[in-house]
Amino acid sequence: MEERFGFIHEKLDIKILILFVLRRLPGVVDRDVLADLVQCDGGIGYFDYSDCLYELIAAGQVAEEDDGYRITEKGAENGETVESSLPYSVRKKAEKLLAPEAERLRRLSMLTAEHKLKDGLCTVTLAMDDGKGEILRVELLCADEEQAVRMEKNFKRNAEAIYGDMINMLDK
């Protein structure tokens, strides 16, 4: 039997840690990112993590979506009730590791980038929210769907710079 380090070894503790992490993320998180965040404690193996995640999904506490996982209302309520049982050092380490991902998800939640095909035309809609309301909405006709997808990706990567450039160009 291999010796594992860290404070978290039991399945219940791993489940609590998964819920702890997901409660602090404002959106859907990729499977690999979630695994990295949960394995912040040296005692958690990937297969134990994976088993616990699927048990939480089966119990209706975590929802599996196309692009990752999010906590359900039931999971959030249960997680809030039991997360204080996690060792303080594990909670602090997890919070420190998940802060950049939480910020990334918060930023993405304020951006809309989608395209539609209708009557042989492809349009892309790009929008930006500042948390209080929409500050930018642009709808563009695209040459094809490939261009629309490129525009969506570039907007998501550079939304703030695009917004600033537009303001500067229009305010001259």
C-alpha atoms as a PDB file:
ATOM      1  CA  MET A   1       0.000   0.000   0.000  1.00  0.00           C
ATOM      2  CA  GLU A   2       1.370   3.397  -0.982  1.00  0.00           C
ATOM      3  CA  GLU A   3       1.789   6.035   1.686  1.00  0.00           C
ATOM      4  CA  ARG A   4      -0.002   9.280   0.937  1.00  0.00           C
ATOM      5  CA  PHE A   5       0.783  12.633   2.421  1.00  0.00           C
ATOM      6  CA  GLY A   6      -1.676  15.395   3.198  1.00  0.00           C
ATOM      7  CA  PHE A   7      -4.715  15.708   5.408  1.00  0.00           C
ATOM      8  CA  ILE A   8      -7.425  14.418   3.070  1.00  0.00           C
ATOM      9  CA  HIS A   9      -7.666  10.636   2.600  1.00  0.00           C
ATOM     10  CA  GLU A  10     -11.277   9.576   3.170  1.00  0.00           C
ATOM     11  CA  LYS A  11     -13.897   9.689   0.424  1.00  0.00           C
ATOM     12  CA  LEU A  12     -16.197  11.889   2.504  1.00  0.00           C
ATOM     13  CA  ASP A  13     -13.433  14.468   2.952  1.00  0.00           C
ATOM     14  CA  ILE A  14     -12.667  14.401  -0.783  1.00  0.00           C
ATOM     15  CA  LYS A  15     -16.344  15.014  -1.561  1.00  0.00           C
ATOM     16  CA  ILE A  16     -16.453  17.893   0.895  1.00  0.00           C
ATOM     17  CA  LEU A  17     -13.348  19.389  -0.722  1.00  0.00           C
ATOM     18  CA  ILE A  18     -14.884  19.062  -4.213  1.00  0.00           C
ATOM     19  CA  LEU A  19     -18.000  20.893  -2.992  1.00  0.00           C
ATOM     20  CA  PHE A  20     -15.829  23.483  -1.224  1.00  0.00           C
ATOM     21  CA  VAL A  21     -13.975  24.259  -4.451  1.00  0.00           C
ATOM     22  CA  LEU A  22     -17.077  24.310  -6.656  1.00  0.00           C
ATOM     23  CA  ARG A  23     -18.948  26.603  -4.238  1.00  0.00           C
ATOM     24  CA  ARG A  24     -16.290  29.252  -4.812  1.00  0.00           C
ATOM     25  CA  LEU A  25     -16.248  29.100  -8.598  1.00  0.00           C
ATOM     26  CA  PRO A  26     -18.794  31.316 -10.379  1.00  0.00           C
ATOM     27  CA  GLY A  27     -19.371  29.046 -13.330  1.00  0.00           C
ATOM     28  CA  VAL A  28     -18.657  25.771 -15.041  1.00  0.00           C
ATOM     29  CA  VAL A  29     -15.125  24.474 -14.464  1.00  0.00           C
ATOM     30  CA  ASP A  30     -13.195  22.138 -16.736  1.00  0.00           C
ATOM     31  CA  ARG A  31     -12.601  18.589 -15.443  1.00  0.00           C
ATOM     32  CA  ASP A  32      -8.800  18.879 -15.451  1.00  0.00           C
ATOM     33  CA  VAL A  33      -8.824  22.262 -13.722  1.00  0.00           C
ATOM     34  CA  LEU A  34     -11.174  20.919 -11.055  1.00  0.00           C
ATOM     35  CA  ALA A  35      -8.908  17.896 -10.550  1.00  0.00           C
ATOM     36  CA  ASP A  36      -5.871  20.150 -10.099  1.00  0.00           C
ATOM     37  CA  LEU A  37      -7.696  22.338  -7.585  1.00  0.00           C
ATOM     38  CA  VAL A  38      -9.020  19.417  -5.546  1.00  0.00           C
ATOM     39  CA  GLN A  39      -5.685  17.615  -5.533  1.00  0.00           C
ATOM     40  CA  CYS A  40      -4.094  20.565  -3.726  1.00  0.00           C
ATOM     41  CA  ASP A  41      -3.705  18.286  -0.723  1.00  0.00           C
ATOM     42  CA  GLY A  42      -1.076  15.611  -1.266  1.00  0.00           C
ATOM     43  CA  GLY A  43      -3.318  12.850   0.074  1.00  0.00           C
ATOM     44  CA  ILE A  44      -5.785  12.721  -2.822  1.00  0.00           C
ATOM     45  CA  GLY A  45      -5.234  10.372  -5.734  1.00  0.00           C
ATOM     46  CA  TYR A  46      -6.816  10.941  -9.145  1.00  0.00           C
ATOM     47  CA  PHE A  47      -8.935   7.788  -9.061  1.00  0.00           C
ATOM     48  CA  ASP A  48     -10.323   8.578  -5.604  1.00  0.00           C
ATOM     49  CA  TYR A  49     -11.111  12.104  -6.812  1.00  0.00           C
ATOM     50  CA  SER A  50     -12.818  10.743  -9.936  1.00  0.00           C
ATOM     51  CA  ASP A  51     -14.922   8.236  -7.967  1.00  0.00           C
ATOM     52  CA  CYS A  52     -16.030  10.923  -5.526  1.00  0.00           C
ATOM     53  CA  LEU A  53     -16.900  13.355  -8.311  1.00  0.00           C
ATOM     54  CA  TYR A  54     -19.140  10.799 -10.019  1.00  0.00           C
ATOM     55  CA  GLU A  55     -20.809   9.910  -6.718  1.00  0.00           C
ATOM     56  CA  LEU A  56     -21.574  13.619  -6.196  1.00  0.00           C
ATOM     57  CA  ILE A  57     -23.034  13.779  -9.721  1.00  0.00           C
ATOM     58  CA  ALA A  58     -25.176  10.702  -9.040  1.00  0.00           C
ATOM     59  CA  ALA A  59     -26.383  12.280  -5.788  1.00  0.00           C
ATOM     60  CA  GLY A  60     -27.425  15.473  -7.591  1.00  0.00           C
ATOM     61  CA  GLN A  61     -24.878  17.672  -5.827  1.00  0.00           C
ATOM     62  CA  VAL A  62     -22.727  18.351  -8.884  1.00  0.00           C
ATOM     63  CA  ALA A  63     -24.002  18.859 -12.421  1.00  0.00           C
ATOM     64  CA  GLU A  64     -22.010  17.644 -15.413  1.00  0.00           C
ATOM     65  CA  GLU A  65     -22.246  19.931 -18.438  1.00  0.00           C
ATOM     66  CA  ASP A  66     -20.671  19.847 -21.901  1.00  0.00           C
ATOM     67  CA  ASP A  67     -17.668  21.926 -20.846  1.00  0.00           C
ATOM     68  CA  GLY A  68     -17.238  20.840 -17.233  1.00  0.00           C
ATOM     69  CA  TYR A  69     -18.880  20.777 -13.830  1.00  0.00           C
ATOM     70  CA  ARG A  70     -20.821  23.124 -11.606  1.00  0.00           C
ATOM     71  CA  ILE A  71     -22.291  22.793  -8.152  1.00  0.00           C
ATOM     72  CA  THR A  72     -26.052  22.378  -7.799  1.00  0.00           C
ATOM     73  CA  GLU A  73     -28.196  24.154  -5.243  1.00  0.00           C
ATOM     74  CA  LYS A  74     -28.352  20.925  -3.222  1.00  0.00           C
ATOM     75  CA  GLY A  75     -24.556  20.598  -3.362  1.00  0.00           C
ATOM     76  CA  ALA A  76     -24.057  24.227  -2.323  1.00  0.00           C
ATOM     77  CA  GLU A  77     -26.342  23.818   0.688  1.00  0.00           C
ATOM     78  CA  ASN A  78     -24.694  20.569   1.751  1.00  0.00           C
ATOM     79  CA  GLY A  79     -21.200  21.920   1.144  1.00  0.00           C
ATOM     80  CA  GLU A  80     -21.843  25.022   3.223  1.00  0.00           C
ATOM     81  CA  THR A  81     -23.027  22.861   6.098  1.00  0.00           C
ATOM     82  CA  VAL A  82     -19.992  20.558   6.232  1.00  0.00           C
ATOM     83  CA  GLU A  83     -17.018  22.454   4.778  1.00  0.00           C
ATOM     84  CA  SER A  84     -15.829  23.662   8.197  1.00  0.00           C
ATOM     85  CA  SER A  85     -14.818  20.039   8.857  1.00  0.00           C
ATOM     86  CA  LEU A  86     -11.977  20.415   6.334  1.00  0.00           C
ATOM     87  CA  PRO A  87      -8.625  21.239   7.904  1.00  0.00           C
ATOM     88  CA  TYR A  88      -7.988  24.982   7.910  1.00  0.00           C
ATOM     89  CA  SER A  89      -4.701  24.589   6.026  1.00  0.00           C
ATOM     90  CA  VAL A  90      -6.427  22.646   3.221  1.00  0.00           C
ATOM     91  CA  ARG A  91      -9.176  25.277   2.915  1.00  0.00           C
ATOM     92  CA  LYS A  92      -6.636  28.107   2.735  1.00  0.00           C
ATOM     93  CA  LYS A  93      -4.479  26.311   0.186  1.00  0.00           C
ATOM     94  CA  ALA A  94      -7.521  25.516  -1.981  1.00  0.00           C
ATOM     95  CA  GLU A  95      -8.773  29.127  -1.780  1.00  0.00           C
ATOM     96  CA  LYS A  96      -5.371  30.440  -2.841  1.00  0.00           C
ATOM     97  CA  LEU A  97      -5.187  28.033  -5.792  1.00  0.00           C
ATOM     98  CA  LEU A  98      -8.731  28.644  -6.991  1.00  0.00           C
ATOM     99  CA  ALA A  99      -8.640  32.461  -6.852  1.00  0.00           C
ATOM    100  CA  PRO A 100      -7.199  32.870 -10.389  1.00  0.00           C
ATOM    101  CA  GLU A 101      -9.715  30.377 -11.827  1.00  0.00           C
ATOM    102  CA  ALA A 102     -12.587  32.123 -10.035  1.00  0.00           C
ATOM    103  CA  GLU A 103     -11.456  35.436 -11.520  1.00  0.00           C
ATOM    104  CA  ARG A 104     -11.182  33.918 -14.999  1.00  0.00           C
ATOM    105  CA  LEU A 105     -14.698  32.467 -14.745  1.00  0.00           C
ATOM    106  CA  ARG A 106     -16.071  35.767 -13.417  1.00  0.00           C
ATOM    107  CA  ARG A 107     -14.570  37.580 -16.402  1.00  0.00           C
ATOM    108  CA  LEU A 108     -15.934  35.032 -18.879  1.00  0.00           C
ATOM    109  CA  SER A 109     -19.398  35.304 -17.345  1.00  0.00           C
ATOM    110  CA  MET A 110     -19.411  38.979 -18.324  1.00  0.00           C
ATOM    111  CA  LEU A 111     -18.729  38.226 -22.003  1.00  0.00           C
ATOM    112  CA  THR A 112     -21.095  36.994 -24.675  1.00  0.00           C
ATOM    113  CA  ALA A 113     -19.768  35.722 -27.985  1.00  0.00           C
ATOM    114  CA  GLU A 114     -22.139  33.736 -30.185  1.00  0.00           C
ATOM    115  CA  HIS A 115     -22.970  33.326 -33.829  1.00  0.00           C
ATOM    116  CA  LYS A 116     -26.076  32.423 -35.790  1.00  0.00           C
ATOM    117  CA  LEU A 117     -26.643  31.070 -39.258  1.00  0.00           C
ATOM    118  CA  LYS A 118     -29.871  32.254 -40.865  1.00  0.00           C
ATOM    119  CA  ASP A 119     -30.947  32.432 -44.491  1.00  0.00           C
ATOM    120  CA  GLY A 120     -27.407  31.720 -45.675  1.00  0.00           C
ATOM    121  CA  LEU A 121     -25.933  34.563 -43.607  1.00  0.00           C
ATOM    122  CA  CYS A 122     -23.701  34.248 -40.569  1.00  0.00           C
ATOM    123  CA  THR A 123     -23.785  36.908 -37.859  1.00  0.00           C
ATOM    124  CA  VAL A 124     -21.739  37.106 -34.693  1.00  0.00           C
ATOM    125  CA  THR A 125     -22.882  38.933 -31.563  1.00  0.00           C
ATOM    126  CA  LEU A 126     -20.231  40.150 -29.130  1.00  0.00           C
ATOM    127  CA  ALA A 127     -21.228  41.736 -25.829  1.00  0.00           C
ATOM    128  CA  MET A 128     -19.540  42.839 -22.634  1.00  0.00           C
ATOM    129  CA  ASP A 129     -21.017  43.422 -19.202  1.00  0.00           C
ATOM    130  CA  ASP A 130     -19.378  45.266 -16.319  1.00  0.00           C
ATOM    131  CA  GLY A 131     -21.335  43.543 -13.558  1.00  0.00           C
ATOM    132  CA  LYS A 132     -23.915  46.346 -13.434  1.00  0.00           C
ATOM    133  CA  GLY A 133     -25.149  46.154 -17.002  1.00  0.00           C
ATOM    134  CA  GLU A 134     -24.193  45.724 -20.609  1.00  0.00           C
ATOM    135  CA  ILE A 135     -21.555  48.218 -21.776  1.00  0.00           C
ATOM    136  CA  LEU A 136     -20.974  46.917 -25.294  1.00  0.00           C
ATOM    137  CA  ARG A 137     -23.007  44.974 -27.862  1.00  0.00           C
ATOM    138  CA  VAL A 138     -21.892  44.573 -31.454  1.00  0.00           C
ATOM    139  CA  GLU A 139     -23.496  42.449 -34.149  1.00  0.00           C
ATOM    140  CA  LEU A 140     -21.414  41.801 -37.242  1.00  0.00           C
ATOM    141  CA  LEU A 141     -22.025  40.042 -40.521  1.00  0.00           C
ATOM    142  CA  CYS A 142     -19.343  37.423 -41.139  1.00  0.00           C
ATOM    143  CA  ALA A 143     -18.042  35.872 -44.322  1.00  0.00           C
ATOM    144  CA  ASP A 144     -18.657  32.391 -42.903  1.00  0.00           C
ATOM    145  CA  GLU A 145     -18.974  30.407 -39.703  1.00  0.00           C
ATOM    146  CA  GLU A 146     -15.211  29.908 -39.482  1.00  0.00           C
ATOM    147  CA  GLN A 147     -14.688  33.670 -39.313  1.00  0.00           C
ATOM    148  CA  ALA A 148     -17.436  33.999 -36.694  1.00  0.00           C
ATOM    149  CA  VAL A 149     -15.757  31.388 -34.477  1.00  0.00           C
ATOM    150  CA  ARG A 150     -12.412  33.214 -34.814  1.00  0.00           C
ATOM    151  CA  MET A 151     -14.074  36.491 -33.860  1.00  0.00           C
ATOM    152  CA  GLU A 152     -15.683  34.876 -30.811  1.00  0.00           C
ATOM    153  CA  LYS A 153     -12.356  33.465 -29.605  1.00  0.00           C
ATOM    154  CA  ASN A 154     -10.493  36.724 -30.188  1.00  0.00           C
ATOM    155  CA  PHE A 155     -13.192  38.720 -28.421  1.00  0.00           C
ATOM    156  CA  LYS A 156     -13.098  36.431 -25.386  1.00  0.00           C
ATOM    157  CA  ARG A 157      -9.304  36.744 -25.267  1.00  0.00           C
ATOM    158  CA  ASN A 158      -9.131  40.523 -25.831  1.00  0.00           C
ATOM    159  CA  ALA A 159     -12.508  42.006 -24.842  1.00  0.00           C
ATOM    160  CA  GLU A 160     -11.145  44.783 -22.649  1.00  0.00           C
ATOM    161  CA  ALA A 161      -8.607  45.925 -25.252  1.00  0.00           C
ATOM    162  CA  ILE A 162     -11.224  45.805 -28.026  1.00  0.00           C
ATOM    163  CA  TYR A 163     -13.607  47.860 -25.899  1.00  0.00           C
ATOM    164  CA  GLY A 164     -10.865  50.409 -25.118  1.00  0.00           C
ATOM    165  CA  ASP A 165      -9.821  50.663 -28.770  1.00  0.00           C
ATOM    166  CA  MET A 166     -13.425  51.233 -29.834  1.00  0.00           C
ATOM    167  CA  ILE A 167     -13.896  53.997 -27.258  1.00  0.00           C
ATOM    168  CA  ASN A 168     -10.638  55.656 -28.319  1.00  0.00           C
ATOM    169  CA  MET A 169     -11.505  55.486 -32.035  1.00  0.00           C
ATOM    170  CA  LEU A 170     -15.031  56.800 -31.530  1.00  0.00           C
ATOM    171  CA  ASP A 171     -14.061  59.561 -29.093  1.00  0.00           C
ATOM    172  CA  LYS A 172     -11.526  61.323 -31.359  1.00  0.00           C
END
